[in-house]
Amino acid sequence: MDWFFNLEKEEQEFLKRFILASGSLKQLAKEYEVSYPTVRIRVDKIIEKIKLSDNNRDTFEINIMQMVIDEKISLDSAKEIIRKHKESIDG
């Protein structure tokens, strides 16, 4: 269950509220006072983070890809960072 602990506290709380709402995205949208598509986007981002954790990549790569999912950096930048990191490890 490492994937759960790789999520931010806010995302863990969101999942708790999702479960307590019996999986109803409409109910969550009401609780958070946002639109259904906004909740759907948030769920999709969490799904991507879980998939990323399940791929057994190294922690550095997971952290970089989570930054892409959170839209903190571009995918192209992430690929370049990961490539440079691998080069530095391989010598």
PDB file of N, CA and C in Angstrom:
ATOM      1  N   MET A   1       0.823  -1.194   0.000  1.00  0.00           N
ATOM      2  CA  MET A   1       0.000   0.000   0.000  1.00  0.00           C
ATOM      3  C   MET A   1       0.866   1.257   0.000  1.00  0.00           C
ATOM      4  N   ASP A   2       2.059   1.131  -0.548  1.00  0.00           N
ATOM      5  CA  ASP A   2       2.955   2.283  -0.657  1.00  0.00           C
ATOM      6  C   ASP A   2       2.325   3.415  -1.449  1.00  0.00           C
ATOM      7  N   TRP A   3       1.503   3.073  -2.427  1.00  0.00           N
ATOM      8  CA  TRP A   3       0.895   4.098  -3.280  1.00  0.00           C
ATOM      9  C   TRP A   3       0.127   5.115  -2.451  1.00  0.00           C
ATOM     10  N   PHE A   4      -0.530   4.655  -1.390  1.00  0.00           N
ATOM     11  CA  PHE A   4      -1.331   5.554  -0.566  1.00  0.00           C
ATOM     12  C   PHE A   4      -0.439   6.568   0.147  1.00  0.00           C
ATOM     13  N   PHE A   5       0.700   6.096   0.640  1.00  0.00           N
ATOM     14  CA  PHE A   5       1.599   6.972   1.376  1.00  0.00           C
ATOM     15  C   PHE A   5       2.385   7.898   0.455  1.00  0.00           C
ATOM     16  N   ASN A   6       2.408   7.605  -0.846  1.00  0.00           N
ATOM     17  CA  ASN A   6       3.049   8.489  -1.820  1.00  0.00           C
ATOM     18  C   ASN A   6       2.145   9.655  -2.197  1.00  0.00           C
ATOM     19  N   LEU A   7       0.865   9.566  -1.834  1.00  0.00           N
ATOM     20  CA  LEU A   7      -0.059  10.663  -2.110  1.00  0.00           C
ATOM     21  C   LEU A   7       0.115  11.767  -1.074  1.00  0.00           C
ATOM     22  N   GLU A   8      -0.206  12.983  -1.467  1.00  0.00           N
ATOM     23  CA  GLU A   8      -0.174  14.095  -0.526  1.00  0.00           C
ATOM     24  C   GLU A   8      -1.322  13.945   0.465  1.00  0.00           C
ATOM     25  N   LYS A   9      -1.192  14.545   1.631  1.00  0.00           N
ATOM     26  CA  LYS A   9      -2.230  14.441   2.676  1.00  0.00           C
ATOM     27  C   LYS A   9      -3.592  14.858   2.142  1.00  0.00           C
ATOM     28  N   GLU A  10      -3.624  15.898   1.354  1.00  0.00           N
ATOM     29  CA  GLU A  10      -4.882  16.396   0.785  1.00  0.00           C
ATOM     30  C   GLU A  10      -5.526  15.333  -0.119  1.00  0.00           C
ATOM     31  N   GLU A  11      -4.703  14.614  -0.872  1.00  0.00           N
ATOM     32  CA  GLU A  11      -5.225  13.558  -1.746  1.00  0.00           C
ATOM     33  C   GLU A  11      -5.719  12.369  -0.925  1.00  0.00           C
ATOM     34  N   GLN A  12      -5.035  12.068   0.173  1.00  0.00           N
ATOM     35  CA  GLN A  12      -5.481  10.994   1.068  1.00  0.00           C
ATOM     36  C   GLN A  12      -6.835  11.346   1.673  1.00  0.00           C
ATOM     37  N   GLU A  13      -6.993  12.584   2.080  1.00  0.00           N
ATOM     38  CA  GLU A  13      -8.268  13.045   2.640  1.00  0.00           C
ATOM     39  C   GLU A  13      -9.372  12.993   1.579  1.00  0.00           C
ATOM     40  N   PHE A  14      -9.031  13.361   0.354  1.00  0.00           N
ATOM     41  CA  PHE A  14      -9.987  13.305  -0.751  1.00  0.00           C
ATOM     42  C   PHE A  14     -10.473  11.868  -0.939  1.00  0.00           C
ATOM     43  N   LEU A  15      -9.562  10.896  -0.918  1.00  0.00           N
ATOM     44  CA  LEU A  15      -9.944   9.488  -1.065  1.00  0.00           C
ATOM     45  C   LEU A  15     -10.834   9.033   0.088  1.00  0.00           C
ATOM     46  N   LYS A  16     -10.533   9.501   1.287  1.00  0.00           N
ATOM     47  CA  LYS A  16     -11.372   9.160   2.443  1.00  0.00           C
ATOM     48  C   LYS A  16     -12.791   9.680   2.230  1.00  0.00           C
ATOM     49  N   ARG A  17     -12.904  10.926   1.796  1.00  0.00           N
ATOM     50  CA  ARG A  17     -14.229  11.514   1.568  1.00  0.00           C
ATOM     51  C   ARG A  17     -14.945  10.815   0.413  1.00  0.00           C
ATOM     52  N   PHE A  18     -14.180  10.380  -0.595  1.00  0.00           N
ATOM     53  CA  PHE A  18     -14.731   9.639  -1.725  1.00  0.00           C
ATOM     54  C   PHE A  18     -15.353   8.330  -1.246  1.00  0.00           C
ATOM     55  N   ILE A  19     -14.649   7.630  -0.389  1.00  0.00           N
ATOM     56  CA  ILE A  19     -15.151   6.360   0.152  1.00  0.00           C
ATOM     57  C   ILE A  19     -16.384   6.606   1.016  1.00  0.00           C
ATOM     58  N   LEU A  20     -16.335   7.617   1.872  1.00  0.00           N
ATOM     59  CA  LEU A  20     -17.470   7.927   2.736  1.00  0.00           C
ATOM     60  C   LEU A  20     -18.689   8.388   1.936  1.00  0.00           C
ATOM     61  N   ALA A  21     -18.445   8.903   0.723  1.00  0.00           N
ATOM     62  CA  ALA A  21     -19.552   9.300  -0.156  1.00  0.00           C
ATOM     63  C   ALA A  21     -19.983   8.134  -1.044  1.00  0.00           C
ATOM     64  N   SER A  22     -19.579   6.931  -0.672  1.00  0.00           N
ATOM     65  CA  SER A  22     -19.903   5.708  -1.423  1.00  0.00           C
ATOM     66  C   SER A  22     -19.471   5.775  -2.887  1.00  0.00           C
ATOM     67  N   GLY A  23     -18.379   6.484  -3.128  1.00  0.00           N
ATOM     68  CA  GLY A  23     -17.838   6.564  -4.477  1.00  0.00           C
ATOM     69  C   GLY A  23     -18.588   7.503  -5.398  1.00  0.00           C
ATOM     70  N   SER A  24     -19.420   8.356  -4.852  1.00  0.00           N
ATOM     71  CA  SER A  24     -20.211   9.267  -5.671  1.00  0.00           C
ATOM     72  C   SER A  24     -19.428  10.557  -5.965  1.00  0.00           C
ATOM     73  N   LEU A  25     -19.064  10.728  -7.238  1.00  0.00           N
ATOM     74  CA  LEU A  25     -18.368  11.952  -7.622  1.00  0.00           C
ATOM     75  C   LEU A  25     -19.306  13.161  -7.526  1.00  0.00           C
ATOM     76  N   LYS A  26     -20.582  12.942  -7.781  1.00  0.00           N
ATOM     77  CA  LYS A  26     -21.557  14.031  -7.661  1.00  0.00           C
ATOM     78  C   LYS A  26     -21.625  14.525  -6.214  1.00  0.00           C
ATOM     79  N   GLN A  27     -21.612  13.584  -5.263  1.00  0.00           N
ATOM     80  CA  GLN A  27     -21.649  13.954  -3.852  1.00  0.00           C
ATOM     81  C   GLN A  27     -20.386  14.734  -3.473  1.00  0.00           C
ATOM     82  N   LEU A  28     -19.236  14.272  -3.964  1.00  0.00           N
ATOM     83  CA  LEU A  28     -17.989  14.984  -3.673  1.00  0.00           C
ATOM     84  C   LEU A  28     -18.005  16.388  -4.254  1.00  0.00           C
ATOM     85  N   ALA A  29     -18.537  16.524  -5.453  1.00  0.00           N
ATOM     86  CA  ALA A  29     -18.626  17.849  -6.063  1.00  0.00           C
ATOM     87  C   ALA A  29     -19.447  18.783  -5.181  1.00  0.00           C
ATOM     88  N   LYS A  30     -20.542  18.268  -4.610  1.00  0.00           N
ATOM     89  CA  LYS A  30     -21.361  19.066  -3.683  1.00  0.00           C
ATOM     90  C   LYS A  30     -20.571  19.439  -2.439  1.00  0.00           C
ATOM     91  N   GLU A  31     -19.887  18.450  -1.851  1.00  0.00           N
ATOM     92  CA  GLU A  31     -19.133  18.691  -0.621  1.00  0.00           C
ATOM     93  C   GLU A  31     -18.012  19.708  -0.822  1.00  0.00           C
ATOM     94  N   TYR A  32     -17.312  19.614  -1.946  1.00  0.00           N
ATOM     95  CA  TYR A  32     -16.204  20.532  -2.223  1.00  0.00           C
ATOM     96  C   TYR A  32     -16.672  21.829  -2.880  1.00  0.00           C
ATOM     97  N   GLU A  33     -17.979  21.872  -3.226  1.00  0.00           N
ATOM     98  CA  GLU A  33     -18.567  23.039  -3.874  1.00  0.00           C
ATOM     99  C   GLU A  33     -17.843  23.382  -5.173  1.00  0.00           C
ATOM    100  N   VAL A  34     -17.621  22.321  -5.987  1.00  0.00           N
ATOM    101  CA  VAL A  34     -17.007  22.468  -7.300  1.00  0.00           C
ATOM    102  C   VAL A  34     -17.843  21.676  -8.305  1.00  0.00           C
ATOM    103  N   SER A  35     -17.497  21.802  -9.565  1.00  0.00           N
ATOM    104  CA  SER A  35     -18.238  21.075 -10.598  1.00  0.00           C
ATOM    105  C   SER A  35     -17.814  19.607 -10.653  1.00  0.00           C
ATOM    106  N   TYR A  36     -18.682  18.808 -11.231  1.00  0.00           N
ATOM    107  CA  TYR A  36     -18.384  17.389 -11.420  1.00  0.00           C
ATOM    108  C   TYR A  36     -17.089  17.198 -12.226  1.00  0.00           C
ATOM    109  N   PRO A  37     -16.903  17.931 -13.352  1.00  0.00           N
ATOM    110  CA  PRO A  37     -15.659  17.752 -14.117  1.00  0.00           C
ATOM    111  C   PRO A  37     -14.394  18.071 -13.305  1.00  0.00           C
ATOM    112  N   THR A  38     -14.495  19.019 -12.383  1.00  0.00           N
ATOM    113  CA  THR A  38     -13.350  19.344 -11.530  1.00  0.00           C
ATOM    114  C   THR A  38     -12.991  18.157 -10.645  1.00  0.00           C
ATOM    115  N   VAL A  39     -13.992  17.516 -10.079  1.00  0.00           N
ATOM    116  CA  VAL A  39     -13.765  16.331  -9.243  1.00  0.00           C
ATOM    117  C   VAL A  39     -13.209  15.202 -10.104  1.00  0.00           C
ATOM    118  N   ARG A  40     -13.749  15.042 -11.295  1.00  0.00           N
ATOM    119  CA  ARG A  40     -13.290  13.973 -12.204  1.00  0.00           C
ATOM    120  C   ARG A  40     -11.807  14.138 -12.546  1.00  0.00           C
ATOM    121  N   ILE A  41     -11.396  15.370 -12.799  1.00  0.00           N
ATOM    122  CA  ILE A  41      -9.988  15.650 -13.106  1.00  0.00           C
ATOM    123  C   ILE A  41      -9.107  15.273 -11.911  1.00  0.00           C
ATOM    124  N   ARG A  42      -9.563  15.604 -10.736  1.00  0.00           N
ATOM    125  CA  ARG A  42      -8.794  15.280  -9.524  1.00  0.00           C
ATOM    126  C   ARG A  42      -8.668  13.770  -9.347  1.00  0.00           C
ATOM    127  N   VAL A  43      -9.751  13.054  -9.578  1.00  0.00           N
ATOM    128  CA  VAL A  43      -9.721  11.587  -9.494  1.00  0.00           C
ATOM    129  C   VAL A  43      -8.744  11.029 -10.522  1.00  0.00           C
ATOM    130  N   ASP A  44      -8.801  11.556 -11.743  1.00  0.00           N
ATOM    131  CA  ASP A  44      -7.903  11.080 -12.797  1.00  0.00           C
ATOM    132  C   ASP A  44      -6.434  11.295 -12.438  1.00  0.00           C
ATOM    133  N   LYS A  45      -6.119  12.423 -11.804  1.00  0.00           N
ATOM    134  CA  LYS A  45      -4.736  12.682 -11.386  1.00  0.00           C
ATOM    135  C   LYS A  45      -4.294  11.692 -10.311  1.00  0.00           C
ATOM    136  N   ILE A  46      -5.171  11.394  -9.384  1.00  0.00           N
ATOM    137  CA  ILE A  46      -4.848  10.420  -8.336  1.00  0.00           C
ATOM    138  C   ILE A  46      -4.652   9.036  -8.950  1.00  0.00           C
ATOM    139  N   ILE A  47      -5.490   8.686  -9.908  1.00  0.00           N
ATOM    140  CA  ILE A  47      -5.343   7.399 -10.599  1.00  0.00           C
ATOM    141  C   ILE A  47      -3.969   7.318 -11.259  1.00  0.00           C
ATOM    142  N   GLU A  48      -3.545   8.387 -11.917  1.00  0.00           N
ATOM    143  CA  GLU A  48      -2.236   8.399 -12.573  1.00  0.00           C
ATOM    144  C   GLU A  48      -1.110   8.234 -11.557  1.00  0.00           C
ATOM    145  N   LYS A  49      -1.238   8.870 -10.404  1.00  0.00           N
ATOM    146  CA  LYS A  49      -0.218   8.727  -9.359  1.00  0.00           C
ATOM    147  C   LYS A  49      -0.148   7.293  -8.847  1.00  0.00           C
ATOM    148  N   ILE A  50      -1.293   6.658  -8.690  1.00  0.00           N
ATOM    149  CA  ILE A  50      -1.328   5.267  -8.218  1.00  0.00           C
ATOM    150  C   ILE A  50      -0.690   4.351  -9.260  1.00  0.00           C
ATOM    151  N   LYS A  51      -1.030   4.548 -10.512  1.00  0.00           N
ATOM    152  CA  LYS A  51      -0.436   3.735 -11.580  1.00  0.00           C
ATOM    153  C   LYS A  51       1.068   3.904 -11.615  1.00  0.00           C
ATOM    154  N   LEU A  52       1.518   5.125 -11.436  1.00  0.00           N
ATOM    155  CA  LEU A  52       2.941   5.422 -11.441  1.00  0.00           C
ATOM    156  C   LEU A  52       3.647   4.685 -10.312  1.00  0.00           C
ATOM    157  N   SER A  53       3.071   4.686  -9.142  1.00  0.00           N
ATOM    158  CA  SER A  53       3.648   3.980  -7.992  1.00  0.00           C
ATOM    159  C   SER A  53       3.696   2.479  -8.227  1.00  0.00           C
ATOM    160  N   ASP A  54       2.686   1.952  -8.896  1.00  0.00           N
ATOM    161  CA  ASP A  54       2.615   0.510  -9.141  1.00  0.00           C
ATOM    162  C   ASP A  54       3.602   0.026 -10.198  1.00  0.00           C
ATOM    163  N   ASN A  55       4.193   0.938 -10.943  1.00  0.00           N
ATOM    164  CA  ASN A  55       5.130   0.547 -11.995  1.00  0.00           C
ATOM    165  C   ASN A  55       6.530   0.240 -11.464  1.00  0.00           C
ATOM    166  N   ASN A  56       6.717   0.306 -10.157  1.00  0.00           N
ATOM    167  CA  ASN A  56       7.990  -0.024  -9.506  1.00  0.00           C
ATOM    168  C   ASN A  56       9.178   0.755 -10.060  1.00  0.00           C
ATOM    169  N   ARG A  57       9.015   1.986 -10.379  1.00  0.00           N
ATOM    170  CA  ARG A  57      10.128   2.833 -10.804  1.00  0.00           C
ATOM    171  C   ARG A  57      10.867   3.320  -9.567  1.00  0.00           C
ATOM    172  N   ASP A  58      12.063   3.850  -9.770  1.00  0.00           N
ATOM    173  CA  ASP A  58      12.778   4.364  -8.606  1.00  0.00           C
ATOM    174  C   ASP A  58      12.098   5.629  -8.092  1.00  0.00           C
ATOM    175  N   THR A  59      12.349   5.932  -6.858  1.00  0.00           N
ATOM    176  CA  THR A  59      11.680   7.042  -6.177  1.00  0.00           C
ATOM    177  C   THR A  59      11.894   8.372  -6.889  1.00  0.00           C
ATOM    178  N   PHE A  60      13.105   8.601  -7.384  1.00  0.00           N
ATOM    179  CA  PHE A  60      13.395   9.849  -8.095  1.00  0.00           C
ATOM    180  C   PHE A  60      12.480  10.005  -9.301  1.00  0.00           C
ATOM    181  N   GLU A  61      12.375   8.954 -10.107  1.00  0.00           N
ATOM    182  CA  GLU A  61      11.548   9.008 -11.309  1.00  0.00           C
ATOM    183  C   GLU A  61      10.072   9.196 -10.949  1.00  0.00           C
ATOM    184  N   ILE A  62       9.617   8.523  -9.914  1.00  0.00           N
ATOM    185  CA  ILE A  62       8.227   8.684  -9.468  1.00  0.00           C
ATOM    186  C   ILE A  62       7.963  10.129  -9.077  1.00  0.00           C
ATOM    187  N   ASN A  63       8.879  10.724  -8.317  1.00  0.00           N
ATOM    188  CA  ASN A  63       8.692  12.114  -7.882  1.00  0.00           C
ATOM    189  C   ASN A  63       8.645  13.072  -9.065  1.00  0.00           C
ATOM    190  N   ILE A  64       9.506  12.847 -10.057  1.00  0.00           N
ATOM    191  CA  ILE A  64       9.511  13.714 -11.235  1.00  0.00           C
ATOM    192  C   ILE A  64       8.199  13.562 -12.007  1.00  0.00           C
ATOM    193  N   MET A  65       7.752  12.333 -12.199  1.00  0.00           N
ATOM    194  CA  MET A  65       6.519  12.112 -12.953  1.00  0.00           C
ATOM    195  C   MET A  65       5.294  12.637 -12.200  1.00  0.00           C
ATOM    196  N   GLN A  66       5.347  12.618 -10.872  1.00  0.00           N
ATOM    197  CA  GLN A  66       4.248  13.201 -10.099  1.00  0.00           C
ATOM    198  C   GLN A  66       4.193  14.709 -10.320  1.00  0.00           C
ATOM    199  N   MET A  67       5.361  15.320 -10.523  1.00  0.00           N
ATOM    200  CA  MET A  67       5.386  16.751 -10.821  1.00  0.00           C
ATOM    201  C   MET A  67       4.713  17.030 -12.172  1.00  0.00           C
ATOM    202  N   VAL A  68       4.858  16.113 -13.116  1.00  0.00           N
ATOM    203  CA  VAL A  68       4.174  16.253 -14.412  1.00  0.00           C
ATOM    204  C   VAL A  68       2.664  16.149 -14.213  1.00  0.00           C
ATOM    205  N   ILE A  69       2.243  15.136 -13.451  1.00  0.00           N
ATOM    206  CA  ILE A  69       0.810  14.940 -13.198  1.00  0.00           C
ATOM    207  C   ILE A  69       0.218  16.167 -12.504  1.00  0.00           C
ATOM    208  N   ASP A  70       0.976  16.761 -11.589  1.00  0.00           N
ATOM    209  CA  ASP A  70       0.517  17.947 -10.869  1.00  0.00           C
ATOM    210  C   ASP A  70       0.698  19.237 -11.678  1.00  0.00           C
ATOM    211  N   GLU A  71       1.185  19.074 -12.915  1.00  0.00           N
ATOM    212  CA  GLU A  71       1.393  20.200 -13.835  1.00  0.00           C
ATOM    213  C   GLU A  71       2.386  21.228 -13.298  1.00  0.00           C
ATOM    214  N   LYS A  72       3.384  20.753 -12.556  1.00  0.00           N
ATOM    215  CA  LYS A  72       4.448  21.633 -12.051  1.00  0.00           C
ATOM    216  C   LYS A  72       5.569  21.763 -13.071  1.00  0.00           C
ATOM    217  N   ILE A  73       5.775  20.701 -13.890  1.00  0.00           N
ATOM    218  CA  ILE A  73       6.756  20.747 -14.973  1.00  0.00           C
ATOM    219  C   ILE A  73       6.162  20.033 -16.190  1.00  0.00           C
ATOM    220  N   SER A  74       6.745  20.292 -17.354  1.00  0.00           N
ATOM    221  CA  SER A  74       6.246  19.661 -18.579  1.00  0.00           C
ATOM    222  C   SER A  74       6.780  18.236 -18.701  1.00  0.00           C
ATOM    223  N   LEU A  75       6.116  17.445 -19.517  1.00  0.00           N
ATOM    224  CA  LEU A  75       6.552  16.078 -19.755  1.00  0.00           C
ATOM    225  C   LEU A  75       7.933  16.060 -20.397  1.00  0.00           C
ATOM    226  N   ASP A  76       8.171  16.965 -21.346  1.00  0.00           N
ATOM    227  CA  ASP A  76       9.482  17.027 -22.000  1.00  0.00           C
ATOM    228  C   ASP A  76      10.587  17.340 -20.991  1.00  0.00           C
ATOM    229  N   SER A  77      10.326  18.267 -20.088  1.00  0.00           N
ATOM    230  CA  SER A  77      11.320  18.591 -19.054  1.00  0.00           C
ATOM    231  C   SER A  77      11.569  17.396 -18.152  1.00  0.00           C
ATOM    232  N   ALA A  78      10.507  16.699 -17.785  1.00  0.00           N
ATOM    233  CA  ALA A  78      10.650  15.519 -16.926  1.00  0.00           C
ATOM    234  C   ALA A  78      11.505  14.460 -17.598  1.00  0.00           C
ATOM    235  N   LYS A  79      11.266  14.211 -18.862  1.00  0.00           N
ATOM    236  CA  LYS A  79      12.054  13.215 -19.593  1.00  0.00           C
ATOM    237  C   LYS A  79      13.535  13.593 -19.606  1.00  0.00           C
ATOM    238  N   GLU A  80      13.800  14.868 -19.825  1.00  0.00           N
ATOM    239  CA  GLU A  80      15.188  15.345 -19.856  1.00  0.00           C
ATOM    240  C   GLU A  80      15.850  15.208 -18.483  1.00  0.00           C
ATOM    241  N   ILE A  81      15.139  15.563 -17.436  1.00  0.00           N
ATOM    242  CA  ILE A  81      15.673  15.432 -16.075  1.00  0.00           C
ATOM    243  C   ILE A  81      15.982  13.971 -15.764  1.00  0.00           C
ATOM    244  N   ILE A  82      15.054  13.082 -16.092  1.00  0.00           N
ATOM    245  CA  ILE A  82      15.249  11.652 -15.824  1.00  0.00           C
ATOM    246  C   ILE A  82      16.425  11.114 -16.637  1.00  0.00           C
ATOM    247  N   ARG A  83      16.530  11.530 -17.892  1.00  0.00           N
ATOM    248  CA  ARG A  83      17.643  11.083 -18.737  1.00  0.00           C
ATOM    249  C   ARG A  83      18.980  11.523 -18.151  1.00  0.00           C
ATOM    250  N   LYS A  84      19.066  12.784 -17.747  1.00  0.00           N
ATOM    251  CA  LYS A  84      20.303  13.317 -17.150  1.00  0.00           C
ATOM    252  C   LYS A  84      20.625  12.603 -15.840  1.00  0.00           C
ATOM    253  N   HIS A  85      19.602  12.323 -15.059  1.00  0.00           N
ATOM    254  CA  HIS A  85      19.805  11.610 -13.790  1.00  0.00           C
ATOM    255  C   HIS A  85      20.371  10.225 -14.042  1.00  0.00           C
ATOM    256  N   LYS A  86      19.803   9.509 -15.004  1.00  0.00           N
ATOM    257  CA  LYS A  86      20.300   8.170 -15.334  1.00  0.00           C
ATOM    258  C   LYS A  86      21.744   8.214 -15.834  1.00  0.00           C
ATOM    259  N   GLU A  87      22.058   9.250 -16.637  1.00  0.00           N
ATOM    260  CA  GLU A  87      23.430   9.409 -17.119  1.00  0.00           C
ATOM    261  C   GLU A  87      24.397   9.616 -15.957  1.00  0.00           C
ATOM    262  N   SER A  88      23.978  10.413 -14.977  1.00  0.00           N
ATOM    263  CA  SER A  88      24.865  10.675 -13.838  1.00  0.00           C
ATOM    264  C   SER A  88      25.083   9.433 -12.984  1.00  0.00           C
ATOM    265  N   ILE A  89      24.087   8.575 -12.929  1.00  0.00           N
ATOM    266  CA  ILE A  89      24.219   7.330 -12.159  1.00  0.00           C
ATOM    267  C   ILE A  89      25.101   6.318 -12.888  1.00  0.00           C
ATOM    268  N   ASP A  90      24.892   6.234 -14.220  1.00  0.00           N
ATOM    269  CA  ASP A  90      25.634   5.265 -15.023  1.00  0.00           C
ATOM    270  C   ASP A  90      27.085   5.664 -15.239  1.00  0.00           C
ATOM    271  N   GLY A  91      27.376   6.919 -14.977  1.00  0.00           N
ATOM    272  CA  GLY A  91      28.753   7.384 -15.072  1.00  0.00           C
ATOM    273  C   GLY A  91      29.043   7.977 -16.341  1.00  0.00           C
TER     274      GLY A  91
END
